[in-house]
Amino acid sequence: MGELVLVRHAQASFFGADYDALSPLGREQARALGRHWAAHGIGFDRVYVGPRRRHRETLELVAAAYAEGGLPFPAAEAVAELDEHDGVAVLKHALGRPEAERGAMETRDPGEGRREEVVREFFRRYREVMRDWAAGTLSVPGVEPWAEFRARSLRALDATCAGSGRAVAFTSGGLVSSAAGWLLGLDDERVVELSAVLRNTALSEVRHSGRRRTLVSFNALPHLPDARSVTAV
């Protein structure tokens, strides 16, 4: 019997010059996760990480918390299949945004009073466009199609649900939601809806034995008891 914990990355920099870098709050979320695990003596036999900076930074801060406590944390294995889809590029294509802006989030900070409104509107449009993309009614040249992303997420699940013991994989919300979709037999629209509710540093646990895999938990945040530190983007 094996166990895999899928971790969505900590909060990235939605209004920063580089979305892929963790925000100050995101760094605190990742540290809180590492300290929580270390305090409870949770060890891992294998560690996997996706290719994005936000994946690696989340992993590094968790590993640093283990080091601070004098506890071992395995070296991570990079798994390209754990990458996120390029839904942001799909959205910006649908909105007619310039090619140069693809892959970036909103970089113009509207100020403290309007940030929540801008994020809410961005994700309202994002969910609409993602549903069209997943349904196959929208395609973007040069962007991995939704169906290929779903197939890749299954390969990621195969790669990380290997062997016995406990493993952890640092990745993104779309990948975690797609993996959950495979485990629960969900259609594409429901996978998109799952991705909209997944929180930063949320934990989703999979138990596996051979080809038998069961989703035990989804979107858990035992390390963030203060609701003010819980974020979706």
Protein backbone atom coordinates (compact mmCIF):
# COMPACT_ATOMS: atom_id res chain seq x y z
CA MET A 1 0.00 0.00 0.00
CA GLY A 2 1.29 3.45 -0.88
CA GLU A 3 0.22 7.00 -0.16
CA LEU A 4 0.63 10.09 -2.32
CA VAL A 5 0.01 13.64 -1.11
CA LEU A 6 -0.61 16.12 -3.92
CA VAL A 7 0.22 19.69 -2.89
CA ARG A 8 -0.99 22.72 -4.75
CA HIS A 9 1.71 25.41 -4.71
CA ALA A 10 1.58 28.31 -2.26
CA GLN A 11 0.17 31.68 -3.34
CA ALA A 12 1.96 33.10 -6.36
CA SER A 13 2.32 36.78 -7.30
CA PHE A 14 -0.91 37.60 -9.15
CA PHE A 15 -0.09 41.32 -9.34
CA GLY A 16 3.70 40.93 -9.39
CA ALA A 17 6.14 41.27 -12.27
CA ASP A 18 6.60 37.47 -12.22
CA TYR A 19 3.46 35.52 -11.36
CA ASP A 20 5.51 32.36 -10.91
CA ALA A 21 7.32 33.73 -7.84
CA LEU A 22 5.65 33.11 -4.49
CA SER A 23 4.12 36.13 -2.78
CA PRO A 24 5.14 37.00 0.80
CA LEU A 25 1.94 35.34 2.03
CA GLY A 26 2.66 32.34 -0.18
CA ARG A 27 6.06 31.93 1.42
CA GLU A 28 4.42 31.95 4.84
CA GLN A 29 1.88 29.34 3.70
CA ALA A 30 4.67 27.02 2.52
CA ARG A 31 6.61 27.48 5.75
CA ALA A 32 3.46 26.73 7.75
CA LEU A 33 2.98 23.48 5.82
CA GLY A 34 6.56 22.39 6.42
CA ARG A 35 6.41 23.24 10.13
CA HIS A 36 3.09 21.42 10.51
CA TRP A 37 4.43 18.24 8.94
CA ALA A 38 7.71 18.44 10.86
CA ALA A 39 5.92 19.02 14.17
CA HIS A 40 3.79 15.92 13.58
CA GLY A 41 6.78 13.81 12.54
CA ILE A 42 5.42 13.17 9.05
CA GLY A 43 8.14 11.68 6.88
CA PHE A 44 8.27 10.98 3.16
CA ASP A 45 9.99 8.26 1.18
CA ARG A 46 9.85 10.10 -2.14
CA VAL A 47 9.39 13.73 -3.20
CA TYR A 48 8.31 14.89 -6.66
CA VAL A 49 8.17 18.43 -8.01
CA GLY A 50 6.74 20.06 -11.12
CA PRO A 51 8.77 22.38 -13.38
CA ARG A 52 7.38 25.77 -12.35
CA ARG A 53 9.16 28.18 -10.05
CA ARG A 54 6.14 28.27 -7.74
CA HIS A 55 6.33 24.48 -7.40
CA ARG A 56 10.03 24.53 -6.56
CA GLU A 57 9.79 27.45 -4.13
CA THR A 58 6.96 25.76 -2.23
CA LEU A 59 9.02 22.58 -1.99
CA GLU A 60 12.16 24.46 -0.90
CA LEU A 61 10.39 26.24 1.95
CA VAL A 62 8.81 22.98 3.16
CA ALA A 63 12.22 21.27 3.05
CA ALA A 64 13.78 24.20 4.92
CA ALA A 65 11.28 23.74 7.76
CA TYR A 66 12.36 20.11 8.07
CA ALA A 67 16.01 21.16 8.12
CA GLU A 68 15.28 23.69 10.87
CA GLY A 69 13.84 20.86 12.95
CA GLY A 70 16.79 18.59 12.24
CA LEU A 71 14.59 16.18 10.28
CA PRO A 72 15.40 14.48 6.96
CA PHE A 73 13.55 15.39 3.78
CA PRO A 74 14.35 13.45 0.58
CA ALA A 75 15.86 15.14 -2.46
CA ALA A 76 13.14 15.91 -5.00
CA GLU A 77 12.73 14.24 -8.38
CA ALA A 78 11.59 16.59 -11.13
CA VAL A 79 8.54 15.29 -13.03
CA ALA A 80 7.65 17.30 -16.14
CA GLU A 81 4.16 15.77 -16.26
CA LEU A 82 3.31 17.64 -13.04
CA ASP A 83 3.24 20.93 -14.96
CA GLU A 84 0.09 23.05 -15.02
CA HIS A 85 -1.97 23.59 -18.17
CA ASP A 86 -1.65 26.97 -19.88
CA GLY A 87 -5.16 28.13 -19.10
CA VAL A 88 -3.98 31.72 -18.68
CA ALA A 89 -2.79 31.77 -22.30
CA VAL A 90 -6.16 30.36 -23.35
CA LEU A 91 -8.00 33.08 -21.45
CA LYS A 92 -5.90 35.90 -22.84
CA HIS A 93 -6.34 34.52 -26.37
CA ALA A 94 -10.11 34.47 -25.83
CA LEU A 95 -10.00 38.06 -24.58
CA GLY A 96 -7.85 39.23 -27.49
CA ARG A 97 -4.89 40.12 -25.29
CA PRO A 98 -1.47 40.55 -26.98
CA GLU A 99 0.69 37.47 -27.59
CA ALA A 100 3.42 38.96 -25.40
CA GLU A 101 1.10 38.85 -22.38
CA ARG A 102 0.39 35.13 -22.62
CA GLY A 103 1.35 33.07 -19.61
CA ALA A 104 1.32 36.06 -17.26
CA MET A 105 -1.38 36.92 -14.78
CA GLU A 106 -2.67 40.44 -14.18
CA THR A 107 0.45 42.55 -13.66
CA ARG A 108 -1.15 45.96 -13.10
CA ASP A 109 -1.94 46.32 -9.42
CA PRO A 110 -5.22 48.30 -9.10
CA GLY A 111 -4.53 49.13 -5.48
CA GLU A 112 -5.70 47.68 -2.19
CA GLY A 113 -9.32 48.69 -2.61
CA ARG A 114 -9.87 46.95 -5.96
CA ARG A 115 -7.64 43.84 -5.83
CA GLU A 116 -10.39 41.50 -4.67
CA GLU A 117 -12.77 42.81 -7.34
CA VAL A 118 -10.17 42.38 -10.12
CA VAL A 119 -9.31 38.84 -9.01
CA ARG A 120 -13.00 37.91 -8.79
CA GLU A 121 -13.69 39.21 -12.30
CA PHE A 122 -10.59 37.50 -13.71
CA PHE A 123 -11.69 34.13 -12.39
CA ARG A 124 -15.29 34.60 -13.45
CA ARG A 125 -14.08 34.95 -17.03
CA TYR A 126 -11.45 32.27 -16.50
CA ARG A 127 -14.04 29.64 -15.53
CA GLU A 128 -16.23 30.54 -18.52
CA VAL A 129 -13.34 30.22 -20.95
CA MET A 130 -12.00 27.05 -19.31
CA ARG A 131 -15.37 25.36 -19.74
CA ASP A 132 -15.33 26.19 -23.46
CA TRP A 133 -11.73 25.00 -23.79
CA ALA A 134 -12.48 21.75 -21.97
CA ALA A 135 -15.55 21.20 -24.15
CA GLY A 136 -13.40 21.50 -27.28
CA THR A 137 -15.15 24.61 -28.61
CA LEU A 138 -12.03 26.74 -28.13
CA SER A 139 -8.49 25.98 -29.24
CA VAL A 140 -5.35 28.11 -29.12
CA PRO A 141 -2.44 27.65 -31.53
CA GLY A 142 0.73 26.60 -29.74
CA VAL A 143 -1.04 25.66 -26.51
CA GLU A 144 -1.36 22.07 -25.29
CA PRO A 145 -5.02 21.10 -25.84
CA TRP A 146 -7.19 20.27 -22.86
CA ALA A 147 -7.48 16.60 -23.84
CA GLU A 148 -3.70 16.28 -23.99
CA PHE A 149 -3.39 17.98 -20.60
CA ARG A 150 -5.85 15.49 -19.11
CA ALA A 151 -3.87 12.58 -20.57
CA ARG A 152 -0.64 14.07 -19.20
CA SER A 153 -2.17 14.41 -15.73
CA LEU A 154 -2.94 10.70 -15.79
CA ARG A 155 0.69 9.99 -16.67
CA ALA A 156 1.70 12.19 -13.73
CA LEU A 157 -0.54 10.11 -11.47
CA ASP A 158 1.04 6.92 -12.82
CA ALA A 159 4.55 8.29 -12.21
CA THR A 160 3.91 9.42 -8.65
CA CYS A 161 1.74 6.49 -7.50
CA ALA A 162 4.70 4.14 -7.70
CA GLY A 163 5.88 1.79 -4.99
CA SER A 164 4.94 1.64 -1.34
CA GLY A 165 5.49 4.15 1.44
CA ARG A 166 4.57 7.83 1.45
CA ALA A 167 5.28 10.27 -1.37
CA VAL A 168 4.52 13.95 -1.92
CA ALA A 169 4.21 15.86 -5.20
CA PHE A 170 4.31 19.66 -5.51
CA THR A 171 2.27 20.87 -8.47
CA SER A 172 -0.62 23.18 -9.45
CA GLY A 173 -4.37 23.30 -8.96
CA GLY A 174 -5.35 22.25 -12.45
CA LEU A 175 -3.17 19.15 -12.27
CA VAL A 176 -4.49 18.18 -8.81
CA SER A 177 -8.07 18.66 -9.97
CA SER A 178 -7.50 16.64 -13.13
CA ALA A 179 -5.93 13.83 -11.12
CA ALA A 180 -8.92 13.90 -8.74
CA GLY A 181 -11.17 13.77 -11.79
CA TRP A 182 -9.55 10.54 -12.95
CA LEU A 183 -9.87 9.02 -9.49
CA LEU A 184 -13.53 10.00 -9.11
CA GLY A 185 -14.63 9.45 -12.72
CA LEU A 186 -15.63 13.09 -13.23
CA ASP A 187 -16.34 14.74 -16.56
CA ASP A 188 -14.31 17.70 -17.82
CA GLU A 189 -16.76 20.36 -16.65
CA ARG A 190 -16.61 19.05 -13.09
CA VAL A 191 -12.82 18.96 -13.23
CA VAL A 192 -12.87 22.66 -14.15
CA GLU A 193 -15.19 23.37 -11.22
CA LEU A 194 -12.91 21.49 -8.83
CA SER A 195 -9.95 23.61 -9.90
CA ALA A 196 -11.88 26.77 -8.97
CA VAL A 197 -12.18 25.76 -5.32
CA LEU A 198 -8.69 24.40 -4.66
CA ARG A 199 -6.72 26.50 -2.16
CA ASN A 200 -3.03 27.33 -2.06
CA THR A 201 -0.94 24.62 -0.31
CA ALA A 202 -4.07 22.45 -0.10
CA LEU A 203 -3.40 18.74 0.41
CA SER A 204 -5.11 15.94 -1.49
CA GLU A 205 -4.31 12.38 -0.44
CA VAL A 206 -4.33 9.30 -2.67
CA ARG A 207 -3.98 5.73 -1.43
CA HIS A 208 -2.83 3.19 -3.98
CA SER A 209 -1.98 -0.46 -4.39
CA GLY A 210 -1.03 -1.57 -7.87
CA ARG A 211 -3.60 -0.07 -10.26
CA ARG A 212 -6.13 0.48 -7.48
CA ARG A 213 -6.21 4.13 -6.41
CA THR A 214 -8.53 5.93 -4.02
CA LEU A 215 -8.90 9.64 -3.30
CA VAL A 216 -8.96 9.86 0.51
CA SER A 217 -9.02 13.64 0.97
CA PHE A 218 -9.17 16.77 -1.17
CA ASN A 219 -8.34 20.43 -0.52
CA ALA A 220 -7.33 19.93 3.13
CA LEU A 221 -5.58 22.76 5.02
CA PRO A 222 -4.70 21.48 8.51
CA HIS A 223 -1.64 23.76 8.58
CA LEU A 224 -3.63 26.99 8.00
CA PRO A 225 -6.09 27.29 10.90
CA ASP A 226 -6.40 31.07 10.42
CA ALA A 227 -8.88 31.76 7.61
CA ARG A 228 -7.07 35.02 6.81
CA SER A 229 -4.11 33.05 5.47
CA VAL A 230 -6.25 30.89 3.14
CA THR A 231 -6.16 31.93 -0.52
CA ALA A 232 -7.36 30.58 -3.84
CA VAL A 233 -4.93 32.54 -6.03
